[in-house]
C-alpha atoms as a PDB file:
ATOM      1  CA  GLN A   1       0.149   0.117  -0.110  1.00  0.00           C
ATOM      2  CA  VAL A   2       1.038   3.696  -0.683  1.00  0.00           C
ATOM      3  CA  GLN A   3      -0.160   6.901   0.631  1.00  0.00           C
ATOM      4  CA  LEU A   4      -0.310  10.087  -1.602  1.00  0.00           C
ATOM      5  CA  VAL A   5      -0.068  13.587  -0.484  1.00  0.00           C
ATOM      6  CA  GLU A   6      -0.301  16.381  -3.112  1.00  0.00           C
ATOM      7  CA  SER A   7       0.851  19.947  -2.575  1.00  0.00           C
ATOM      8  CA  GLY A   8       1.635  23.081  -4.627  1.00  0.00           C
ATOM      9  CA  GLY A   9      -1.854  24.023  -5.627  1.00  0.00           C
ATOM     10  CA  GLY A  10      -3.252  27.611  -5.684  1.00  0.00           C
ATOM     11  CA  LEU A  11      -4.447  30.904  -7.485  1.00  0.00           C
ATOM     12  CA  VAL A  12      -2.289  31.839 -10.605  1.00  0.00           C
ATOM     13  CA  GLN A  13      -3.372  34.184 -13.398  1.00  0.00           C
ATOM     14  CA  ALA A  14      -3.654  33.222 -16.750  1.00  0.00           C
ATOM     15  CA  GLY A  15      -0.204  32.481 -18.470  1.00  0.00           C
ATOM     16  CA  GLY A  16       1.352  31.655 -14.725  1.00  0.00           C
ATOM     17  CA  SER A  17       3.028  28.667 -13.713  1.00  0.00           C
ATOM     18  CA  LEU A  18       2.704  26.287 -10.929  1.00  0.00           C
ATOM     19  CA  ARG A  19       4.318  23.118  -9.848  1.00  0.00           C
ATOM     20  CA  LEU A  20       2.517  20.487  -8.181  1.00  0.00           C
ATOM     21  CA  SER A  21       4.243  17.977  -6.262  1.00  0.00           C
ATOM     22  CA  CYS A  22       2.970  14.342  -5.111  1.00  0.00           C
ATOM     23  CA  ALA A  23       4.590  12.640  -1.852  1.00  0.00           C
ATOM     24  CA  ALA A  24       4.513   8.952  -1.606  1.00  0.00           C
ATOM     25  CA  SER A  25       4.963   6.796   1.484  1.00  0.00           C
ATOM     26  CA  GLY A  26       4.736   3.142   2.241  1.00  0.00           C
ATOM     27  CA  ARG A  27       5.594   0.710  -0.271  1.00  0.00           C
ATOM     28  CA  THR A  28       8.603   0.949  -2.547  1.00  0.00           C
ATOM     29  CA  PHE A  29       7.766   4.094  -4.905  1.00  0.00           C
ATOM     30  CA  SER A  30       9.321   2.783  -7.814  1.00  0.00           C
ATOM     31  CA  ILE A  31       6.998  -0.063  -8.769  1.00  0.00           C
ATOM     32  CA  TYR A  32       4.281   2.363  -9.195  1.00  0.00           C
ATOM     33  CA  LEU A  33       3.327   3.972 -12.681  1.00  0.00           C
ATOM     34  CA  MET A  34       2.218   7.395 -11.466  1.00  0.00           C
ATOM     35  CA  GLY A  35      -0.604   9.745 -12.929  1.00  0.00           C
ATOM     36  CA  TRP A  36      -2.170  13.147 -12.473  1.00  0.00           C
ATOM     37  CA  PHE A  37      -5.923  13.649 -12.954  1.00  0.00           C
ATOM     38  CA  ARG A  38      -8.078  16.623 -12.515  1.00  0.00           C
ATOM     39  CA  GLN A  39     -11.701  17.178 -12.143  1.00  0.00           C
ATOM     40  CA  ALA A  40     -13.439  20.626 -12.606  1.00  0.00           C
ATOM     41  CA  PRO A  41     -16.891  21.183 -10.899  1.00  0.00           C
ATOM     42  CA  GLY A  42     -19.605  19.463 -12.759  1.00  0.00           C
ATOM     43  CA  LYS A  43     -17.208  17.337 -14.855  1.00  0.00           C
ATOM     44  CA  GLU A  44     -15.692  13.833 -14.765  1.00  0.00           C
ATOM     45  CA  ARG A  45     -12.222  13.236 -13.523  1.00  0.00           C
ATOM     46  CA  GLU A  46      -9.795  13.212 -16.594  1.00  0.00           C
ATOM     47  CA  PHE A  47      -6.483  12.155 -17.318  1.00  0.00           C
ATOM     48  CA  VAL A  48      -3.655  14.868 -17.377  1.00  0.00           C
ATOM     49  CA  ALA A  49      -0.212  13.057 -17.596  1.00  0.00           C
ATOM     50  CA  GLY A  50       1.529   9.739 -16.756  1.00  0.00           C
ATOM     51  CA  ILE A  51       4.764   8.661 -16.497  1.00  0.00           C
ATOM     52  CA  SER A  52       6.541   5.062 -16.162  1.00  0.00           C
ATOM     53  CA  ARG A  53       8.561   3.498 -13.210  1.00  0.00           C
ATOM     54  CA  SER A  54      11.782   4.698 -14.475  1.00  0.00           C
ATOM     55  CA  GLY A  55      10.452   8.126 -15.549  1.00  0.00           C
ATOM     56  CA  GLY A  56      11.779   7.188 -19.309  1.00  0.00           C
ATOM     57  CA  SER A  57       8.237   7.452 -20.669  1.00  0.00           C
ATOM     58  CA  THR A  58       5.569   9.994 -20.306  1.00  0.00           C
ATOM     59  CA  THR A  59       2.129  10.337 -21.717  1.00  0.00           C
ATOM     60  CA  TYR A  60       0.049  13.416 -21.935  1.00  0.00           C
ATOM     61  CA  ALA A  61      -3.734  14.681 -22.644  1.00  0.00           C
ATOM     62  CA  ASP A  62      -3.735  16.523 -25.591  1.00  0.00           C
ATOM     63  CA  SER A  63      -5.364  19.570 -23.695  1.00  0.00           C
ATOM     64  CA  VAL A  64      -1.931  19.968 -21.827  1.00  0.00           C
ATOM     65  CA  LYS A  65       0.495  18.650 -24.343  1.00  0.00           C
ATOM     66  CA  GLY A  66       3.575  21.159 -24.830  1.00  0.00           C
ATOM     67  CA  ARG A  67       2.379  23.038 -21.663  1.00  0.00           C
ATOM     68  CA  PHE A  68       2.514  20.429 -18.701  1.00  0.00           C
ATOM     69  CA  THR A  69       5.628  18.210 -17.627  1.00  0.00           C
ATOM     70  CA  ILE A  70       5.407  15.097 -15.599  1.00  0.00           C
ATOM     71  CA  SER A  71       8.741  13.962 -13.788  1.00  0.00           C
ATOM     72  CA  ARG A  72       9.474  11.813 -10.978  1.00  0.00           C
ATOM     73  CA  ASP A  73      12.444  11.406  -8.328  1.00  0.00           C
ATOM     74  CA  ASN A  74      12.400   7.693  -7.290  1.00  0.00           C
ATOM     75  CA  ALA A  75      14.877   8.690  -4.530  1.00  0.00           C
ATOM     76  CA  LYS A  76      12.640  11.353  -2.943  1.00  0.00           C
ATOM     77  CA  ASN A  77       9.348   9.011  -3.375  1.00  0.00           C
ATOM     78  CA  THR A  78       7.846  12.201  -5.512  1.00  0.00           C
ATOM     79  CA  VAL A  79       6.396  12.891  -8.621  1.00  0.00           C
ATOM     80  CA  TYR A  80       5.809  16.435 -10.176  1.00  0.00           C
ATOM     81  CA  LEU A  81       3.656  18.208 -12.600  1.00  0.00           C
ATOM     82  CA  GLN A  82       5.074  21.296 -13.799  1.00  0.00           C
ATOM     83  CA  MET A  83       2.556  23.422 -15.478  1.00  0.00           C
ATOM     84  CA  ASN A  84       3.302  26.321 -17.650  1.00  0.00           C
ATOM     85  CA  SER A  85       1.294  28.869 -19.725  1.00  0.00           C
ATOM     86  CA  LEU A  86      -1.956  28.147 -17.683  1.00  0.00           C
ATOM     87  CA  LYS A  87      -5.295  28.582 -18.738  1.00  0.00           C
ATOM     88  CA  PRO A  88      -8.695  29.434 -16.727  1.00  0.00           C
ATOM     89  CA  GLU A  89      -9.884  26.103 -18.185  1.00  0.00           C
ATOM     90  CA  ASP A  90      -7.039  24.293 -16.214  1.00  0.00           C
ATOM     91  CA  THR A  91      -9.019  25.061 -12.981  1.00  0.00           C
ATOM     92  CA  ALA A  92      -9.558  21.993 -11.309  1.00  0.00           C
ATOM     93  CA  VAL A  93      -8.917  19.869  -8.361  1.00  0.00           C
ATOM     94  CA  TYR A  94      -5.495  17.908  -9.400  1.00  0.00           C
ATOM     95  CA  TYR A  95      -5.041  14.414  -8.016  1.00  0.00           C
ATOM     96  CA  CYS A  96      -2.073  12.235  -8.275  1.00  0.00           C
ATOM     97  CA  ALA A  97      -2.639   8.315  -8.448  1.00  0.00           C
ATOM     98  CA  ALA A  98      -0.489   5.354  -8.267  1.00  0.00           C
ATOM     99  CA  ASP A  99      -0.905   2.173 -10.353  1.00  0.00           C
ATOM    100  CA  SER A 100       0.623  -1.257  -8.949  1.00  0.00           C
ATOM    101  CA  GLY A 101       0.010  -3.334 -12.225  1.00  0.00           C
ATOM    102  CA  SER A 102       2.580  -5.400 -13.658  1.00  0.00           C
ATOM    103  CA  TYR A 103       2.388  -3.832 -17.351  1.00  0.00           C
ATOM    104  CA  SER A 104       4.578  -1.048 -18.342  1.00  0.00           C
ATOM    105  CA  THR A 105       2.364   1.246 -20.147  1.00  0.00           C
ATOM    106  CA  VAL A 106       0.755   4.291 -18.446  1.00  0.00           C
ATOM    107  CA  SER A 107      -3.164   4.054 -18.586  1.00  0.00           C
ATOM    108  CA  LYS A 108      -5.357   7.192 -18.963  1.00  0.00           C
ATOM    109  CA  ASN A 109      -8.237   5.218 -17.434  1.00  0.00           C
ATOM    110  CA  SER A 110      -8.709   6.242 -13.716  1.00  0.00           C
ATOM    111  CA  TYR A 111     -10.281   2.889 -12.769  1.00  0.00           C
ATOM    112  CA  VAL A 112      -6.913   1.421 -13.227  1.00  0.00           C
ATOM    113  CA  TYR A 113      -5.064   3.363 -10.480  1.00  0.00           C
ATOM    114  CA  ASP A 114      -4.980   1.711  -7.244  1.00  0.00           C
ATOM    115  CA  TYR A 115      -4.145   4.603  -4.676  1.00  0.00           C
ATOM    116  CA  TRP A 116      -5.120   8.300  -4.918  1.00  0.00           C
ATOM    117  CA  GLY A 117      -4.001  11.417  -3.221  1.00  0.00           C
ATOM    118  CA  GLN A 118      -6.756  13.900  -1.296  1.00  0.00           C
ATOM    119  CA  GLY A 119      -6.266  16.422  -4.136  1.00  0.00           C
ATOM    120  CA  THR A 120      -5.144  20.021  -4.527  1.00  0.00           C
ATOM    121  CA  GLN A 121      -6.982  23.106  -5.758  1.00  0.00           C
ATOM    122  CA  VAL A 122      -5.686  24.615  -8.864  1.00  0.00           C
ATOM    123  CA  THR A 123      -7.722  27.996  -9.895  1.00  0.00           C
ATOM    124  CA  VAL A 124      -6.457  30.080 -12.898  1.00  0.00           C
ATOM    125  CA  SER A 125      -7.846  33.446 -13.097  1.00  0.00           C
ATOM    126  CA  SER A 126      -8.392  35.362 -16.267  1.00  0.00           C
END
């Protein structure tokens, strides 16, 4: 089992940047595929970005490609989401999630992920 705690959310103007962090505790962090999801009011939770166990492979939603960067530091048991050129439509609660499956491909489906953090609010003003 792993516990996930997100931080780094806040209020930022359009065009600004934020860096989210997700600290993991419990089992060995490097065995998990990691993902970031977000959920805006009245909308379903959606995939944002994912990263392989080693960090060598990343996947992004089309809506954030070129603006967001996911990375991980297995020595620090932490995954990051660098968000640049933020837009009002990026406003949401952001969640990190861990997938303990044995396959190597990052999934965009939330039901695949076994563990979730509590979320951190990101608000982008226009």
